[in-house]
Amino acid sequence: MQEGREQKARFQYEQKVAAQQADEATAASQRDAMARYREGKYLLSQQQALIAGSGGNLTDPSVIDVMGDTSERVTLAAQTDIYKGEQQARGYNDAAKVAGYNAESAMRAARIRAAGSLFSGMSSLFSRFGESNKKTQDTTSVELPYGPR
C-alpha cells in the first residue's frame, strides 16, 4: 500500500506540474500576441509617417490597402501565437489527465496487490494449520502378520 501511495503522490505531482505548464503556455502566448499587436501599431504608425512625409495622402486607396494588409498580417501573427499556446496547453492538460488516471490506477493496483498478498497468506496459513492438514486415515495401512486388530 505504501508503494501505491508513493506512486500516487508522484503522479499527482506530475499532474500539478503539467497543469501549471498549461497555464504558463497560455499566458506566454497571450504575452506574445500582445507584443505582436504593439509591433503592428508601431509599424502602422511608421507607415503613416512615411506616407505623410513623402507627401502622400492617407485616404488614397492604395495606401489604405497597404495599411490594411499590414494590419491583417499583424492580427494573423498574433492569433497564430495564441493558437500555438492553446495547442501547447492542450498537450499539457492531456498529460495532466493521464497523470491523474495513473495516480488512481497506482492506488487501485496497490489495493489489489495487498488483497492478493492477504489471501495468499491466508491460504498458506490454512494449508499449514487448517482442514487440509488433518489426518485422512484413522488406521495404519500396515497389516499385522497375525490378522486384524
N, C-alpha and C. Protein backbone atom coordinates (compact mmCIF):
# COMPACT_ATOMS: atom_id res chain seq x y z
N MET A 1 0.83 -1.18 0.00
CA MET A 1 0.00 0.00 0.00
C MET A 1 0.88 1.26 0.00
N GLN A 2 2.00 1.20 0.74
CA GLN A 2 2.89 2.36 0.80
C GLN A 2 3.44 2.67 -0.59
N GLU A 3 3.81 1.64 -1.32
CA GLU A 3 4.32 1.84 -2.67
C GLU A 3 3.25 2.50 -3.55
N GLY A 4 2.01 2.08 -3.40
CA GLY A 4 0.90 2.68 -4.15
C GLY A 4 0.72 4.14 -3.79
N ARG A 5 0.81 4.47 -2.50
CA ARG A 5 0.68 5.87 -2.08
C ARG A 5 1.81 6.72 -2.65
N GLU A 6 3.03 6.16 -2.68
CA GLU A 6 4.17 6.90 -3.23
C GLU A 6 3.99 7.14 -4.73
N GLN A 7 3.55 6.11 -5.45
CA GLN A 7 3.31 6.28 -6.88
C GLN A 7 2.19 7.29 -7.13
N LYS A 8 1.14 7.22 -6.33
CA LYS A 8 0.04 8.16 -6.49
C LYS A 8 0.53 9.59 -6.27
N ALA A 9 1.34 9.79 -5.23
CA ALA A 9 1.87 11.12 -4.95
C ALA A 9 2.75 11.61 -6.11
N ARG A 10 3.54 10.73 -6.68
CA ARG A 10 4.41 11.11 -7.80
C ARG A 10 3.57 11.52 -9.01
N PHE A 11 2.52 10.74 -9.31
CA PHE A 11 1.66 11.06 -10.45
C PHE A 11 0.85 12.33 -10.19
N GLN A 12 0.44 12.56 -8.95
CA GLN A 12 -0.27 13.80 -8.64
C GLN A 12 0.64 15.00 -8.81
N TYR A 13 1.92 14.84 -8.45
CA TYR A 13 2.88 15.92 -8.66
C TYR A 13 3.04 16.20 -10.15
N GLU A 14 3.16 15.14 -10.95
CA GLU A 14 3.27 15.30 -12.41
C GLU A 14 2.03 16.00 -12.96
N GLN A 15 0.87 15.64 -12.41
CA GLN A 15 -0.38 16.26 -12.84
C GLN A 15 -0.37 17.77 -12.54
N LYS A 16 0.08 18.12 -11.35
CA LYS A 16 0.13 19.53 -10.96
C LYS A 16 1.11 20.31 -11.83
N VAL A 17 2.28 19.73 -12.09
CA VAL A 17 3.29 20.40 -12.92
C VAL A 17 2.75 20.60 -14.34
N ALA A 18 2.11 19.59 -14.90
CA ALA A 18 1.57 19.70 -16.26
C ALA A 18 0.48 20.77 -16.32
N ALA A 19 -0.35 20.85 -15.30
CA ALA A 19 -1.39 21.88 -15.27
C ALA A 19 -0.76 23.28 -15.20
N GLN A 20 0.30 23.41 -14.42
CA GLN A 20 1.00 24.71 -14.34
C GLN A 20 1.64 25.06 -15.69
N GLN A 21 2.20 24.06 -16.36
CA GLN A 21 2.81 24.30 -17.66
C GLN A 21 1.75 24.72 -18.68
N ALA A 22 0.56 24.14 -18.58
CA ALA A 22 -0.53 24.53 -19.48
C ALA A 22 -0.90 25.99 -19.26
N ASP A 23 -1.02 26.38 -18.00
CA ASP A 23 -1.34 27.79 -17.70
C ASP A 23 -0.24 28.72 -18.21
N GLU A 24 1.00 28.33 -18.03
CA GLU A 24 2.11 29.16 -18.49
C GLU A 24 2.14 29.26 -20.01
N ALA A 25 1.85 28.17 -20.71
CA ALA A 25 1.84 28.20 -22.18
C ALA A 25 0.77 29.16 -22.68
N THR A 26 -0.39 29.14 -22.04
CA THR A 26 -1.47 30.05 -22.43
C THR A 26 -1.07 31.50 -22.16
N ALA A 27 -0.52 31.75 -20.98
CA ALA A 27 -0.12 33.12 -20.62
C ALA A 27 1.00 33.62 -21.54
N ALA A 28 1.96 32.76 -21.85
CA ALA A 28 3.07 33.16 -22.71
C ALA A 28 2.56 33.50 -24.11
N SER A 29 1.61 32.73 -24.61
CA SER A 29 1.09 33.01 -25.95
C SER A 29 0.32 34.33 -25.96
N GLN A 30 -0.37 34.64 -24.87
CA GLN A 30 -1.07 35.91 -24.80
C GLN A 30 -0.09 37.08 -24.75
N ARG A 31 1.00 36.90 -24.00
CA ARG A 31 2.04 37.94 -23.96
C ARG A 31 2.65 38.14 -25.35
N ASP A 32 2.92 37.03 -26.04
CA ASP A 32 3.49 37.12 -27.39
C ASP A 32 2.53 37.82 -28.34
N ALA A 33 1.25 37.52 -28.23
CA ALA A 33 0.25 38.15 -29.10
C ALA A 33 0.17 39.66 -28.83
N MET A 34 0.23 40.03 -27.56
CA MET A 34 0.20 41.47 -27.23
C MET A 34 1.44 42.17 -27.79
N ALA A 35 2.58 41.50 -27.74
CA ALA A 35 3.80 42.08 -28.31
C ALA A 35 3.64 42.26 -29.82
N ARG A 36 3.01 41.29 -30.48
CA ARG A 36 2.77 41.41 -31.93
C ARG A 36 1.88 42.61 -32.23
N TYR A 37 0.83 42.77 -31.44
CA TYR A 37 -0.07 43.91 -31.66
C TYR A 37 0.66 45.23 -31.46
N ARG A 38 1.52 45.32 -30.43
CA ARG A 38 2.31 46.55 -30.20
C ARG A 38 3.25 46.80 -31.39
N GLU A 39 3.90 45.75 -31.86
CA GLU A 39 4.79 45.90 -33.01
C GLU A 39 4.00 46.35 -34.25
N GLY A 40 2.80 45.79 -34.39
CA GLY A 40 1.95 46.17 -35.53
C GLY A 40 1.53 47.62 -35.48
N LYS A 41 1.16 48.09 -34.28
CA LYS A 41 0.80 49.51 -34.15
C LYS A 41 1.99 50.40 -34.48
N TYR A 42 3.15 50.02 -34.02
CA TYR A 42 4.36 50.79 -34.30
C TYR A 42 4.63 50.80 -35.81
N LEU A 43 4.50 49.64 -36.46
CA LEU A 43 4.72 49.54 -37.90
C LEU A 43 3.72 50.41 -38.67
N LEU A 44 2.45 50.38 -38.26
CA LEU A 44 1.43 51.20 -38.92
C LEU A 44 1.72 52.69 -38.75
N SER A 45 2.18 53.06 -37.53
CA SER A 45 2.49 54.48 -37.34
C SER A 45 3.69 54.89 -38.18
N GLN A 46 4.66 53.99 -38.35
CA GLN A 46 5.81 54.28 -39.21
C GLN A 46 5.35 54.45 -40.67
N GLN A 47 4.44 53.57 -41.09
CA GLN A 47 3.92 53.68 -42.46
C GLN A 47 3.20 55.02 -42.66
N GLN A 48 2.38 55.38 -41.69
CA GLN A 48 1.67 56.66 -41.79
C GLN A 48 2.65 57.83 -41.86
N ALA A 49 3.67 57.79 -41.03
CA ALA A 49 4.67 58.87 -41.03
C ALA A 49 5.41 58.94 -42.36
N LEU A 50 5.78 57.79 -42.91
CA LEU A 50 6.50 57.78 -44.20
C LEU A 50 5.61 58.29 -45.33
N ILE A 51 4.34 57.88 -45.29
CA ILE A 51 3.43 58.33 -46.35
C ILE A 51 3.21 59.84 -46.25
N ALA A 52 2.97 60.31 -45.04
CA ALA A 52 2.74 61.75 -44.85
C ALA A 52 4.01 62.54 -45.16
N GLY A 53 5.16 62.00 -44.78
CA GLY A 53 6.44 62.68 -45.02
C GLY A 53 6.77 62.75 -46.50
N SER A 54 6.31 61.80 -47.27
CA SER A 54 6.62 61.79 -48.70
C SER A 54 5.58 62.56 -49.51
N GLY A 55 4.61 63.16 -48.80
CA GLY A 55 3.60 63.95 -49.49
C GLY A 55 2.41 63.12 -49.95
N GLY A 56 2.34 61.85 -49.50
CA GLY A 56 1.22 61.01 -49.88
C GLY A 56 -0.03 61.34 -49.08
N ASN A 57 -1.13 60.77 -49.51
CA ASN A 57 -2.42 61.02 -48.87
C ASN A 57 -2.87 59.72 -48.19
N LEU A 58 -3.18 59.80 -46.91
CA LEU A 58 -3.60 58.60 -46.16
C LEU A 58 -4.97 58.07 -46.61
N THR A 59 -5.71 58.87 -47.38
CA THR A 59 -7.02 58.41 -47.86
C THR A 59 -6.93 57.80 -49.25
N ASP A 60 -5.73 57.74 -49.81
CA ASP A 60 -5.53 57.13 -51.12
C ASP A 60 -5.83 55.63 -51.01
N PRO A 61 -6.61 55.07 -51.93
CA PRO A 61 -6.98 53.64 -51.85
C PRO A 61 -5.79 52.69 -51.79
N SER A 62 -4.71 52.98 -52.49
CA SER A 62 -3.55 52.08 -52.45
C SER A 62 -2.88 52.13 -51.07
N VAL A 63 -2.86 53.31 -50.45
CA VAL A 63 -2.29 53.45 -49.11
C VAL A 63 -3.16 52.70 -48.11
N ILE A 64 -4.44 52.83 -48.25
CA ILE A 64 -5.38 52.12 -47.36
C ILE A 64 -5.21 50.61 -47.51
N ASP A 65 -5.03 50.15 -48.74
CA ASP A 65 -4.81 48.71 -48.98
C ASP A 65 -3.54 48.22 -48.31
N VAL A 66 -2.44 48.96 -48.45
CA VAL A 66 -1.16 48.57 -47.85
C VAL A 66 -1.29 48.52 -46.34
N MET A 67 -1.89 49.54 -45.76
CA MET A 67 -2.04 49.57 -44.31
C MET A 67 -3.02 48.49 -43.83
N GLY A 68 -4.02 48.21 -44.63
CA GLY A 68 -4.96 47.13 -44.29
C GLY A 68 -4.27 45.77 -44.31
N ASP A 69 -3.42 45.57 -45.32
CA ASP A 69 -2.65 44.33 -45.40
C ASP A 69 -1.73 44.18 -44.19
N THR A 70 -1.09 45.27 -43.82
CA THR A 70 -0.21 45.24 -42.65
C THR A 70 -1.00 44.88 -41.40
N SER A 71 -2.14 45.48 -41.22
CA SER A 71 -2.98 45.22 -40.06
C SER A 71 -3.45 43.75 -40.03
N GLU A 72 -3.83 43.24 -41.19
CA GLU A 72 -4.28 41.84 -41.27
C GLU A 72 -3.15 40.87 -40.92
N ARG A 73 -1.95 41.17 -41.41
CA ARG A 73 -0.81 40.29 -41.12
C ARG A 73 -0.44 40.32 -39.64
N VAL A 74 -0.53 41.48 -39.04
CA VAL A 74 -0.25 41.60 -37.61
C VAL A 74 -1.29 40.80 -36.81
N THR A 75 -2.56 40.95 -37.18
CA THR A 75 -3.63 40.21 -36.50
C THR A 75 -3.44 38.71 -36.66
N LEU A 76 -3.10 38.27 -37.87
CA LEU A 76 -2.87 36.84 -38.11
C LEU A 76 -1.70 36.32 -37.28
N ALA A 77 -0.63 37.07 -37.21
CA ALA A 77 0.53 36.64 -36.43
C ALA A 77 0.17 36.54 -34.95
N ALA A 78 -0.59 37.49 -34.44
CA ALA A 78 -0.99 37.46 -33.03
C ALA A 78 -1.92 36.29 -32.75
N GLN A 79 -2.87 36.07 -33.63
CA GLN A 79 -3.79 34.94 -33.45
C GLN A 79 -3.06 33.61 -33.57
N THR A 80 -2.05 33.54 -34.41
CA THR A 80 -1.25 32.32 -34.54
C THR A 80 -0.50 32.05 -33.24
N ASP A 81 0.04 33.10 -32.63
CA ASP A 81 0.72 32.93 -31.34
C ASP A 81 -0.24 32.38 -30.29
N ILE A 82 -1.45 32.93 -30.26
CA ILE A 82 -2.44 32.45 -29.28
C ILE A 82 -2.80 31.00 -29.57
N TYR A 83 -3.00 30.66 -30.83
CA TYR A 83 -3.35 29.29 -31.21
C TYR A 83 -2.25 28.31 -30.80
N LYS A 84 -0.99 28.68 -31.05
CA LYS A 84 0.12 27.81 -30.66
C LYS A 84 0.14 27.58 -29.16
N GLY A 85 -0.09 28.63 -28.39
CA GLY A 85 -0.14 28.50 -26.93
C GLY A 85 -1.28 27.61 -26.47
N GLU A 86 -2.44 27.76 -27.12
CA GLU A 86 -3.58 26.91 -26.76
C GLU A 86 -3.31 25.45 -27.10
N GLN A 87 -2.67 25.21 -28.23
CA GLN A 87 -2.32 23.84 -28.61
C GLN A 87 -1.35 23.24 -27.59
N GLN A 88 -0.37 24.01 -27.21
CA GLN A 88 0.60 23.54 -26.24
C GLN A 88 -0.09 23.29 -24.90
N ALA A 89 -0.98 24.16 -24.51
CA ALA A 89 -1.72 24.00 -23.25
C ALA A 89 -2.57 22.73 -23.30
N ARG A 90 -3.18 22.45 -24.44
CA ARG A 90 -3.98 21.22 -24.56
C ARG A 90 -3.10 19.99 -24.34
N GLY A 91 -1.90 20.01 -24.90
CA GLY A 91 -0.98 18.89 -24.69
C GLY A 91 -0.63 18.71 -23.23
N TYR A 92 -0.35 19.82 -22.54
CA TYR A 92 -0.04 19.74 -21.11
C TYR A 92 -1.26 19.28 -20.31
N ASN A 93 -2.44 19.76 -20.68
CA ASN A 93 -3.65 19.33 -19.97
C ASN A 93 -3.92 17.84 -20.18
N ASP A 94 -3.64 17.36 -21.38
CA ASP A 94 -3.78 15.91 -21.62
C ASP A 94 -2.80 15.13 -20.76
N ALA A 95 -1.58 15.62 -20.66
CA ALA A 95 -0.59 14.95 -19.81
C ALA A 95 -1.03 14.98 -18.35
N ALA A 96 -1.66 16.06 -17.94
CA ALA A 96 -2.15 16.15 -16.56
C ALA A 96 -3.27 15.12 -16.32
N LYS A 97 -4.14 14.96 -17.30
CA LYS A 97 -5.21 13.96 -17.17
C LYS A 97 -4.64 12.55 -17.07
N VAL A 98 -3.66 12.26 -17.91
CA VAL A 98 -3.03 10.94 -17.88
C VAL A 98 -2.37 10.70 -16.53
N ALA A 99 -1.70 11.70 -16.00
CA ALA A 99 -1.07 11.55 -14.69
C ALA A 99 -2.12 11.32 -13.61
N GLY A 100 -3.27 11.98 -13.72
CA GLY A 100 -4.36 11.75 -12.77
C GLY A 100 -4.89 10.33 -12.84
N TYR A 101 -5.07 9.83 -14.06
CA TYR A 101 -5.52 8.44 -14.23
C TYR A 101 -4.48 7.48 -13.66
N ASN A 102 -3.21 7.77 -13.92
CA ASN A 102 -2.13 6.90 -13.41
C ASN A 102 -2.10 6.91 -11.89
N ALA A 103 -2.38 8.05 -11.28
CA ALA A 103 -2.40 8.13 -9.82
C ALA A 103 -3.49 7.22 -9.25
N GLU A 104 -4.66 7.28 -9.84
CA GLU A 104 -5.76 6.42 -9.37
C GLU A 104 -5.45 4.95 -9.64
N SER A 105 -4.87 4.67 -10.80
CA SER A 105 -4.52 3.28 -11.14
C SER A 105 -3.47 2.73 -10.19
N ALA A 106 -2.53 3.56 -9.79
CA ALA A 106 -1.48 3.11 -8.87
C ALA A 106 -2.09 2.67 -7.54
N MET A 107 -3.04 3.45 -7.04
CA MET A 107 -3.68 3.07 -5.78
C MET A 107 -4.54 1.82 -5.95
N ARG A 108 -5.25 1.74 -7.07
CA ARG A 108 -6.08 0.57 -7.32
C ARG A 108 -5.21 -0.69 -7.40
N ALA A 109 -4.08 -0.59 -8.10
CA ALA A 109 -3.17 -1.73 -8.22
C ALA A 109 -2.58 -2.09 -6.87
N ALA A 110 -2.27 -1.09 -6.05
CA ALA A 110 -1.72 -1.36 -4.72
C ALA A 110 -2.75 -2.09 -3.86
N ARG A 111 -4.00 -1.70 -3.94
CA ARG A 111 -5.05 -2.38 -3.18
C ARG A 111 -5.21 -3.84 -3.63
N ILE A 112 -5.14 -4.03 -4.94
CA ILE A 112 -5.27 -5.40 -5.48
C ILE A 112 -4.09 -6.26 -5.03
N ARG A 113 -2.88 -5.70 -5.10
CA ARG A 113 -1.70 -6.45 -4.65
C ARG A 113 -1.79 -6.76 -3.16
N ALA A 114 -2.27 -5.79 -2.38
CA ALA A 114 -2.39 -6.01 -0.93
C ALA A 114 -3.42 -7.10 -0.65
N ALA A 115 -4.53 -7.07 -1.36
CA ALA A 115 -5.55 -8.11 -1.17
C ALA A 115 -5.02 -9.47 -1.60
N GLY A 116 -4.28 -9.50 -2.71
CA GLY A 116 -3.68 -10.75 -3.17
C GLY A 116 -2.70 -11.31 -2.16
N SER A 117 -1.89 -10.45 -1.57
CA SER A 117 -0.94 -10.89 -0.55
C SER A 117 -1.67 -11.40 0.69
N LEU A 118 -2.74 -10.73 1.05
CA LEU A 118 -3.52 -11.16 2.21
C LEU A 118 -4.13 -12.54 1.97
N PHE A 119 -4.74 -12.72 0.80
CA PHE A 119 -5.35 -14.02 0.50
C PHE A 119 -4.29 -15.11 0.36
N SER A 120 -3.14 -14.78 -0.20
CA SER A 120 -2.06 -15.75 -0.32
C SER A 120 -1.57 -16.17 1.06
N GLY A 121 -1.44 -15.19 1.93
CA GLY A 121 -1.01 -15.50 3.30
C GLY A 121 -2.03 -16.35 4.03
N MET A 122 -3.31 -16.05 3.84
CA MET A 122 -4.36 -16.84 4.48
C MET A 122 -4.36 -18.26 3.94
N SER A 123 -4.15 -18.41 2.63
CA SER A 123 -4.10 -19.73 2.01
C SER A 123 -2.93 -20.53 2.56
N SER A 124 -1.79 -19.88 2.68
CA SER A 124 -0.61 -20.54 3.21
C SER A 124 -0.83 -20.96 4.66
N LEU A 125 -1.44 -20.10 5.43
CA LEU A 125 -1.75 -20.39 6.83
C LEU A 125 -2.72 -21.56 6.92
N PHE A 126 -3.72 -21.55 6.07
CA PHE A 126 -4.71 -22.62 6.07
C PHE A 126 -4.06 -23.95 5.69
N SER A 127 -3.16 -23.94 4.71
CA SER A 127 -2.53 -25.19 4.30
C SER A 127 -1.60 -25.74 5.38
N ARG A 128 -1.06 -24.88 6.21
CA ARG A 128 -0.20 -25.35 7.30
C ARG A 128 -1.00 -25.88 8.49
N PHE A 129 -2.04 -25.16 8.84
CA PHE A 129 -2.72 -25.48 10.09
C PHE A 129 -4.19 -25.82 9.92
N GLY A 130 -4.69 -25.76 8.75
CA GLY A 130 -6.13 -25.88 8.55
C GLY A 130 -6.60 -27.29 8.29
N GLU A 131 -7.77 -27.37 7.72
CA GLU A 131 -8.50 -28.60 7.47
C GLU A 131 -7.73 -29.56 6.57
N SER A 132 -7.02 -29.06 5.60
CA SER A 132 -6.34 -29.93 4.65
C SER A 132 -5.19 -30.69 5.28
N ASN A 133 -4.74 -30.32 6.46
CA ASN A 133 -3.62 -30.97 7.10
C ASN A 133 -4.06 -32.04 8.09
N LYS A 134 -5.36 -32.26 8.27
CA LYS A 134 -5.84 -33.28 9.20
C LYS A 134 -5.50 -34.66 8.66
N LYS A 135 -5.38 -35.58 9.56
CA LYS A 135 -5.07 -36.95 9.19
C LYS A 135 -6.25 -37.52 8.42
N THR A 136 -5.98 -38.15 7.30
CA THR A 136 -7.08 -38.65 6.48
C THR A 136 -7.48 -40.07 6.83
N GLN A 137 -6.59 -40.84 7.42
CA GLN A 137 -6.93 -42.19 7.82
C GLN A 137 -6.72 -42.36 9.32
N ASP A 138 -7.65 -43.03 9.96
CA ASP A 138 -7.51 -43.26 11.38
C ASP A 138 -6.65 -44.50 11.66
N THR A 139 -6.67 -45.42 10.77
CA THR A 139 -5.90 -46.64 10.99
C THR A 139 -4.65 -46.62 10.14
N THR A 140 -3.74 -47.44 10.53
CA THR A 140 -2.49 -47.54 9.81
C THR A 140 -2.69 -48.43 8.59
N SER A 141 -1.95 -48.22 7.57
CA SER A 141 -2.06 -49.04 6.37
C SER A 141 -1.21 -50.29 6.46
N VAL A 142 -0.48 -50.42 7.53
CA VAL A 142 0.37 -51.60 7.71
C VAL A 142 -0.46 -52.69 8.37
N GLU A 143 -0.45 -53.91 7.80
CA GLU A 143 -1.19 -55.02 8.40
C GLU A 143 -0.26 -55.85 9.26
N LEU A 144 -0.78 -56.20 10.38
CA LEU A 144 0.00 -57.04 11.28
C LEU A 144 -0.01 -58.47 10.76
N PRO A 145 1.04 -59.22 11.02
CA PRO A 145 1.10 -60.58 10.50
C PRO A 145 0.09 -61.53 11.14
N TYR A 146 -0.48 -61.22 12.29
CA TYR A 146 -1.38 -62.11 12.98
C TYR A 146 -2.83 -61.78 12.77
N GLY A 147 -3.17 -60.98 11.78
CA GLY A 147 -4.55 -60.64 11.50
C GLY A 147 -4.91 -59.24 11.99
N PRO A 148 -6.15 -58.86 11.72
CA PRO A 148 -6.56 -57.52 12.09
C PRO A 148 -6.66 -57.34 13.59
N ARG A 149 -6.51 -56.26 14.07
CA ARG A 149 -6.57 -55.96 15.50
C ARG A 149 -7.93 -55.77 15.99
